């Protein structure tokens, strides 16, 4: 499955536990299967004067370990 990440840098090895805490879903590496959405992330007004990169990855859903956690 092809997934996308819009950014101002090339990301060869995504790190999941890095990032800002105040994002919608907290720290993490945000990807989407919608190419246009990732392009819009890279093209945000904040990035107007920066290089805009569309990172493309092949995601193996079968290889992902799934853990369940209960939150209050």
PDB file of N, CA and C in Angstrom:
ATOM      1  N   UNK A   1       0.850  -1.174   0.000  1.00  0.00           N
ATOM      2  CA  UNK A   1       0.000   0.000   0.000  1.00  0.00           C
ATOM      3  C   UNK A   1       0.895   1.235   0.000  1.00  0.00           C
ATOM      4  N   UNK A   2       0.670   2.143  -0.915  1.00  0.00           N
ATOM      5  CA  UNK A   2       1.454   3.364  -0.999  1.00  0.00           C
ATOM      6  C   UNK A   2       0.877   4.409  -0.052  1.00  0.00           C
ATOM      7  N   UNK A   3       1.750   5.045   0.756  1.00  0.00           N
ATOM      8  CA  UNK A   3       1.336   6.120   1.653  1.00  0.00           C
ATOM      9  C   UNK A   3       2.255   7.314   1.447  1.00  0.00           C
ATOM     10  N   UNK A   4       1.791   8.490   1.894  1.00  0.00           N
ATOM     11  CA  UNK A   4       2.475   9.746   1.609  1.00  0.00           C
ATOM     12  C   UNK A   4       2.648  10.575   2.886  1.00  0.00           C
ATOM     13  N   UNK A   5       3.711  11.401   2.864  1.00  0.00           N
ATOM     14  CA  UNK A   5       3.974  12.334   3.955  1.00  0.00           C
ATOM     15  C   UNK A   5       4.468  13.640   3.325  1.00  0.00           C
ATOM     16  N   UNK A   6       3.733  14.716   3.554  1.00  0.00           N
ATOM     17  CA  UNK A   6       4.138  16.024   3.042  1.00  0.00           C
ATOM     18  C   UNK A   6       5.029  16.726   4.034  1.00  0.00           C
ATOM     19  N   UNK A   7       6.150  17.297   3.540  1.00  0.00           N
ATOM     20  CA  UNK A   7       7.124  17.882   4.443  1.00  0.00           C
ATOM     21  C   UNK A   7       7.968  18.923   3.717  1.00  0.00           C
ATOM     22  N   UNK A   8       8.912  19.501   4.441  1.00  0.00           N
ATOM     23  CA  UNK A   8       9.895  20.399   3.838  1.00  0.00           C
ATOM     24  C   UNK A   8      11.265  19.732   3.770  1.00  0.00           C
ATOM     25  N   UNK A   9      11.325  18.468   4.140  1.00  0.00           N
ATOM     26  CA  UNK A   9      12.571  17.698   4.101  1.00  0.00           C
ATOM     27  C   UNK A   9      12.286  16.291   3.586  1.00  0.00           C
ATOM     28  N   UNK A  10      13.317  15.648   3.056  1.00  0.00           N
ATOM     29  CA  UNK A  10      13.212  14.241   2.681  1.00  0.00           C
ATOM     30  C   UNK A  10      13.353  13.420   3.954  1.00  0.00           C
ATOM     31  N   UNK A  11      12.415  12.513   4.180  1.00  0.00           N
ATOM     32  CA  UNK A  11      12.428  11.670   5.381  1.00  0.00           C
ATOM     33  C   UNK A  11      12.654  10.229   4.935  1.00  0.00           C
ATOM     34  N   UNK A  12      13.902   9.761   5.087  1.00  0.00           N
ATOM     35  CA  UNK A  12      14.239   8.390   4.686  1.00  0.00           C
ATOM     36  C   UNK A  12      13.842   7.365   5.730  1.00  0.00           C
ATOM     37  N   UNK A  13      13.955   7.732   7.000  1.00  0.00           N
ATOM     38  CA  UNK A  13      13.659   6.800   8.090  1.00  0.00           C
ATOM     39  C   UNK A  13      12.774   7.513   9.117  1.00  0.00           C
ATOM     40  N   UNK A  14      11.449   7.392   8.982  1.00  0.00           N
ATOM     41  CA  UNK A  14      10.538   8.069   9.914  1.00  0.00           C
ATOM     42  C   UNK A  14      10.732   7.620  11.356  1.00  0.00           C
ATOM     43  N   UNK A  15      10.630   8.569  12.273  1.00  0.00           N
ATOM     44  CA  UNK A  15      10.699   8.296  13.705  1.00  0.00           C
ATOM     45  C   UNK A  15       9.326   8.577  14.298  1.00  0.00           C
ATOM     46  N   UNK A  16       8.744   7.601  14.932  1.00  0.00           N
ATOM     47  CA  UNK A  16       7.369   7.710  15.415  1.00  0.00           C
ATOM     48  C   UNK A  16       7.256   8.562  16.677  1.00  0.00           C
ATOM     49  N   UNK A  17       8.205   8.503  17.578  1.00  0.00           N
ATOM     50  CA  UNK A  17       8.094   9.182  18.867  1.00  0.00           C
ATOM     51  C   UNK A  17       8.596  10.605  18.877  1.00  0.00           C
ATOM     52  N   UNK A  18       8.802  11.197  17.713  1.00  0.00           N
ATOM     53  CA  UNK A  18       9.348  12.549  17.620  1.00  0.00           C
ATOM     54  C   UNK A  18       8.270  13.475  17.091  1.00  0.00           C
ATOM     55  N   UNK A  19       8.315  14.718  17.489  1.00  0.00           N
ATOM     56  CA  UNK A  19       7.369  15.689  16.954  1.00  0.00           C
ATOM     57  C   UNK A  19       6.762  16.550  18.038  1.00  0.00           C
ATOM     58  N   UNK A  20       5.861  17.406  17.601  1.00  0.00           N
ATOM     59  CA  UNK A  20       5.202  18.321  18.541  1.00  0.00           C
ATOM     60  C   UNK A  20       4.058  17.612  19.262  1.00  0.00           C
ATOM     61  N   UNK A  21       3.894  17.918  20.517  1.00  0.00           N
ATOM     62  CA  UNK A  21       2.839  17.289  21.328  1.00  0.00           C
ATOM     63  C   UNK A  21       1.459  17.864  21.034  1.00  0.00           C
ATOM     64  N   UNK A  22       1.407  19.085  20.525  1.00  0.00           N
ATOM     65  CA  UNK A  22       0.122  19.760  20.379  1.00  0.00           C
ATOM     66  C   UNK A  22      -0.568  19.477  19.038  1.00  0.00           C
ATOM     67  N   UNK A  23      -0.177  18.440  18.335  1.00  0.00           N
ATOM     68  CA  UNK A  23      -0.853  18.064  17.098  1.00  0.00           C
ATOM     69  C   UNK A  23      -2.153  17.321  17.414  1.00  0.00           C
ATOM     70  N   UNK A  24      -2.990  17.142  16.416  1.00  0.00           N
ATOM     71  CA  UNK A  24      -4.310  16.525  16.624  1.00  0.00           C
ATOM     72  C   UNK A  24      -4.245  15.208  17.385  1.00  0.00           C
ATOM     73  N   UNK A  25      -3.302  14.346  17.027  1.00  0.00           N
ATOM     74  CA  UNK A  25      -3.204  13.029  17.659  1.00  0.00           C
ATOM     75  C   UNK A  25      -1.911  12.876  18.447  1.00  0.00           C
ATOM     76  N   UNK A  26      -1.280  13.978  18.829  1.00  0.00           N
ATOM     77  CA  UNK A  26      -0.056  13.942  19.612  1.00  0.00           C
ATOM     78  C   UNK A  26       1.174  13.690  18.757  1.00  0.00           C
ATOM     79  N   UNK A  27       2.262  13.323  19.425  1.00  0.00           N
ATOM     80  CA  UNK A  27       3.514  13.051  18.728  1.00  0.00           C
ATOM     81  C   UNK A  27       3.345  11.877  17.786  1.00  0.00           C
ATOM     82  N   UNK A  28       4.079  11.910  16.700  1.00  0.00           N
ATOM     83  CA  UNK A  28       4.023  10.803  15.769  1.00  0.00           C
ATOM     84  C   UNK A  28       4.405  11.228  14.378  1.00  0.00           C
ATOM     85  N   UNK A  29       4.463  10.272  13.496  1.00  0.00           N
ATOM     86  CA  UNK A  29       4.776  10.514  12.097  1.00  0.00           C
ATOM     87  C   UNK A  29       3.488  10.338  11.309  1.00  0.00           C
ATOM     88  N   UNK A  30       2.976  11.420  10.784  1.00  0.00           N
ATOM     89  CA  UNK A  30       1.672  11.425  10.131  1.00  0.00           C
ATOM     90  C   UNK A  30       1.791  11.063   8.654  1.00  0.00           C
ATOM     91  N   UNK A  31       1.036  10.062   8.236  1.00  0.00           N
ATOM     92  CA  UNK A  31       0.994   9.644   6.841  1.00  0.00           C
ATOM     93  C   UNK A  31      -0.464   9.568   6.393  1.00  0.00           C
ATOM     94  N   UNK A  32      -0.657   9.516   5.080  1.00  0.00           N
ATOM     95  CA  UNK A  32      -1.992   9.377   4.518  1.00  0.00           C
ATOM     96  C   UNK A  32      -1.900   8.570   3.233  1.00  0.00           C
ATOM     97  N   UNK A  33      -3.000   7.943   2.870  1.00  0.00           N
ATOM     98  CA  UNK A  33      -3.034   7.262   1.583  1.00  0.00           C
ATOM     99  C   UNK A  33      -3.580   8.192   0.498  1.00  0.00           C
ATOM    100  N   UNK A  34      -3.850   9.441   0.870  1.00  0.00           N
ATOM    101  CA  UNK A  34      -4.346  10.450  -0.063  1.00  0.00           C
ATOM    102  C   UNK A  34      -3.204  11.374  -0.481  1.00  0.00           C
ATOM    103  N   UNK A  35      -2.726  11.208  -1.695  1.00  0.00           N
ATOM    104  CA  UNK A  35      -1.599  11.998  -2.196  1.00  0.00           C
ATOM    105  C   UNK A  35      -1.878  13.501  -2.097  1.00  0.00           C
ATOM    106  N   UNK A  36      -3.080  13.918  -2.465  1.00  0.00           N
ATOM    107  CA  UNK A  36      -3.429  15.339  -2.440  1.00  0.00           C
ATOM    108  C   UNK A  36      -3.385  15.918  -1.030  1.00  0.00           C
ATOM    109  N   UNK A  37      -3.753  15.102  -0.042  1.00  0.00           N
ATOM    110  CA  UNK A  37      -3.716  15.575   1.344  1.00  0.00           C
ATOM    111  C   UNK A  37      -2.271  15.818   1.783  1.00  0.00           C
ATOM    112  N   UNK A  38      -1.375  14.906   1.444  1.00  0.00           N
ATOM    113  CA  UNK A  38       0.031  15.075   1.805  1.00  0.00           C
ATOM    114  C   UNK A  38       0.626  16.290   1.104  1.00  0.00           C
ATOM    115  N   UNK A  39       0.248  16.517  -0.136  1.00  0.00           N
ATOM    116  CA  UNK A  39       0.721  17.704  -0.858  1.00  0.00           C
ATOM    117  C   UNK A  39       0.236  18.965  -0.156  1.00  0.00           C
ATOM    118  N   UNK A  40      -0.997  18.955   0.324  1.00  0.00           N
ATOM    119  CA  UNK A  40      -1.508  20.129   1.040  1.00  0.00           C
ATOM    120  C   UNK A  40      -0.764  20.346   2.353  1.00  0.00           C
ATOM    121  N   UNK A  41      -0.343  19.261   3.030  1.00  0.00           N
ATOM    122  CA  UNK A  41       0.456  19.410   4.256  1.00  0.00           C
ATOM    123  C   UNK A  41       1.779  20.110   3.932  1.00  0.00           C
ATOM    124  N   UNK A  42       2.423  19.689   2.851  1.00  0.00           N
ATOM    125  CA  UNK A  42       3.713  20.284   2.470  1.00  0.00           C
ATOM    126  C   UNK A  42       3.541  21.717   1.992  1.00  0.00           C
ATOM    127  N   UNK A  43       2.368  22.050   1.469  1.00  0.00           N
ATOM    128  CA  UNK A  43       2.125  23.360   0.873  1.00  0.00           C
ATOM    129  C   UNK A  43       1.481  24.354   1.832  1.00  0.00           C
ATOM    130  N   UNK A  44       1.463  24.033   3.107  1.00  0.00           N
ATOM    131  CA  UNK A  44       0.863  24.958   4.082  1.00  0.00           C
ATOM    132  C   UNK A  44       1.498  26.343   3.968  1.00  0.00           C
ATOM    133  N   UNK A  45       0.746  27.343   4.329  1.00  0.00           N
ATOM    134  CA  UNK A  45       1.222  28.733   4.264  1.00  0.00           C
ATOM    135  C   UNK A  45       2.565  28.898   4.974  1.00  0.00           C
ATOM    136  N   UNK A  46       2.746  28.197   6.070  1.00  0.00           N
ATOM    137  CA  UNK A  46       3.986  28.240   6.847  1.00  0.00           C
ATOM    138  C   UNK A  46       5.195  27.822   5.997  1.00  0.00           C
ATOM    139  N   UNK A  47       4.978  26.969   4.999  1.00  0.00           N
ATOM    140  CA  UNK A  47       6.070  26.417   4.190  1.00  0.00           C
ATOM    141  C   UNK A  47       6.269  27.138   2.858  1.00  0.00           C
ATOM    142  N   UNK A  48       5.630  28.276   2.660  1.00  0.00           N
ATOM    143  CA  UNK A  48       5.652  28.957   1.363  1.00  0.00           C
ATOM    144  C   UNK A  48       7.065  29.188   0.832  1.00  0.00           C
ATOM    145  N   UNK A  49       7.982  29.585   1.681  1.00  0.00           N
ATOM    146  CA  UNK A  49       9.345  29.905   1.238  1.00  0.00           C
ATOM    147  C   UNK A  49      10.310  28.732   1.362  1.00  0.00           C
ATOM    148  N   UNK A  50       9.810  27.565   1.684  1.00  0.00           N
ATOM    149  CA  UNK A  50      10.649  26.380   1.864  1.00  0.00           C
ATOM    150  C   UNK A  50      10.441  25.396   0.717  1.00  0.00           C
ATOM    151  N   UNK A  51      11.382  24.503   0.561  1.00  0.00           N
ATOM    152  CA  UNK A  51      11.220  23.397  -0.365  1.00  0.00           C
ATOM    153  C   UNK A  51      10.051  22.546   0.114  1.00  0.00           C
ATOM    154  N   UNK A  52       9.232  22.095  -0.800  1.00  0.00           N
ATOM    155  CA  UNK A  52       8.073  21.277  -0.440  1.00  0.00           C
ATOM    156  C   UNK A  52       8.256  19.883  -1.018  1.00  0.00           C
ATOM    157  N   UNK A  53       8.274  18.879  -0.138  1.00  0.00           N
ATOM    158  CA  UNK A  53       8.610  17.501  -0.512  1.00  0.00           C
ATOM    159  C   UNK A  53       7.411  16.592  -0.287  1.00  0.00           C
ATOM    160  N   UNK A  54       7.164  15.720  -1.254  1.00  0.00           N
ATOM    161  CA  UNK A  54       6.189  14.653  -1.085  1.00  0.00           C
ATOM    162  C   UNK A  54       6.976  13.363  -0.896  1.00  0.00           C
ATOM    163  N   UNK A  55       7.007  12.855   0.342  1.00  0.00           N
ATOM    164  CA  UNK A  55       7.668  11.593   0.644  1.00  0.00           C
ATOM    165  C   UNK A  55       6.684  10.467   0.362  1.00  0.00           C
ATOM    166  N   UNK A  56       7.146   9.432  -0.335  1.00  0.00           N
ATOM    167  CA  UNK A  56       6.294   8.305  -0.710  1.00  0.00           C
ATOM    168  C   UNK A  56       6.890   7.031  -0.127  1.00  0.00           C
ATOM    169  N   UNK A  57       6.063   6.214   0.518  1.00  0.00           N
ATOM    170  CA  UNK A  57       6.516   4.989   1.163  1.00  0.00           C
ATOM    171  C   UNK A  57       5.633   3.819   0.738  1.00  0.00           C
ATOM    172  N   UNK A  58       6.197   2.642   0.783  1.00  0.00           N
ATOM    173  CA  UNK A  58       5.418   1.418   0.603  1.00  0.00           C
ATOM    174  C   UNK A  58       5.163   0.876   2.003  1.00  0.00           C
ATOM    175  N   UNK A  59       3.909   0.819   2.402  1.00  0.00           N
ATOM    176  CA  UNK A  59       3.510   0.428   3.749  1.00  0.00           C
ATOM    177  C   UNK A  59       3.024  -1.012   3.742  1.00  0.00           C
ATOM    178  N   UNK A  60       3.614  -1.843   4.585  1.00  0.00           N
ATOM    179  CA  UNK A  60       3.228  -3.251   4.696  1.00  0.00           C
ATOM    180  C   UNK A  60       2.296  -3.416   5.884  1.00  0.00           C
ATOM    181  N   UNK A  61       0.992  -3.436   5.625  1.00  0.00           N
ATOM    182  CA  UNK A  61       0.004  -3.548   6.706  1.00  0.00           C
ATOM    183  C   UNK A  61       0.160  -4.848   7.488  1.00  0.00           C
ATOM    184  N   UNK A  62       0.584  -5.900   6.823  1.00  0.00           N
ATOM    185  CA  UNK A  62       0.743  -7.196   7.488  1.00  0.00           C
ATOM    186  C   UNK A  62       1.918  -7.190   8.458  1.00  0.00           C
ATOM    187  N   UNK A  63       2.896  -6.336   8.234  1.00  0.00           N
ATOM    188  CA  UNK A  63       4.092  -6.306   9.068  1.00  0.00           C
ATOM    189  C   UNK A  63       3.987  -5.400  10.276  1.00  0.00           C
ATOM    190  N   UNK A  64       2.855  -4.760  10.459  1.00  0.00           N
ATOM    191  CA  UNK A  64       2.685  -3.825  11.566  1.00  0.00           C
ATOM    192  C   UNK A  64       2.223  -4.567  12.808  1.00  0.00           C
ATOM    193  N   UNK A  65       2.919  -4.303  13.907  1.00  0.00           N
ATOM    194  CA  UNK A  65       2.506  -4.902  15.174  1.00  0.00           C
ATOM    195  C   UNK A  65       1.393  -4.036  15.769  1.00  0.00           C
ATOM    196  N   UNK A  66       0.346  -4.676  16.180  1.00  0.00           N
ATOM    197  CA  UNK A  66      -0.798  -3.949  16.715  1.00  0.00           C
ATOM    198  C   UNK A  66      -0.892  -4.219  18.218  1.00  0.00           C
ATOM    199  N   UNK A  67      -0.875  -3.150  19.003  1.00  0.00           N
ATOM    200  CA  UNK A  67      -1.038  -3.245  20.446  1.00  0.00           C
ATOM    201  C   UNK A  67      -2.282  -2.461  20.827  1.00  0.00           C
ATOM    202  N   UNK A  68      -2.967  -2.904  21.850  1.00  0.00           N
ATOM    203  CA  UNK A  68      -4.141  -2.203  22.335  1.00  0.00           C
ATOM    204  C   UNK A  68      -3.846  -1.613  23.706  1.00  0.00           C
ATOM    205  N   UNK A  69      -4.304  -0.384  23.896  1.00  0.00           N
ATOM    206  CA  UNK A  69      -4.116   0.290  25.167  1.00  0.00           C
ATOM    207  C   UNK A  69      -5.444   0.880  25.596  1.00  0.00           C
ATOM    208  N   UNK A  70      -5.677   0.894  26.875  1.00  0.00           N
ATOM    209  CA  UNK A  70      -6.896   1.505  27.393  1.00  0.00           C
ATOM    210  C   UNK A  70      -6.539   2.833  28.022  1.00  0.00           C
ATOM    211  N   UNK A  71      -7.230   3.870  27.591  1.00  0.00           N
ATOM    212  CA  UNK A  71      -7.013   5.206  28.132  1.00  0.00           C
ATOM    213  C   UNK A  71      -8.252   5.653  28.878  1.00  0.00           C
ATOM    214  N   UNK A  72      -8.058   6.425  29.936  1.00  0.00           N
ATOM    215  CA  UNK A  72      -9.186   6.960  30.700  1.00  0.00           C
ATOM    216  C   UNK A  72      -9.778   8.127  29.977  1.00  0.00           C
TER     217      UNK A  72
END
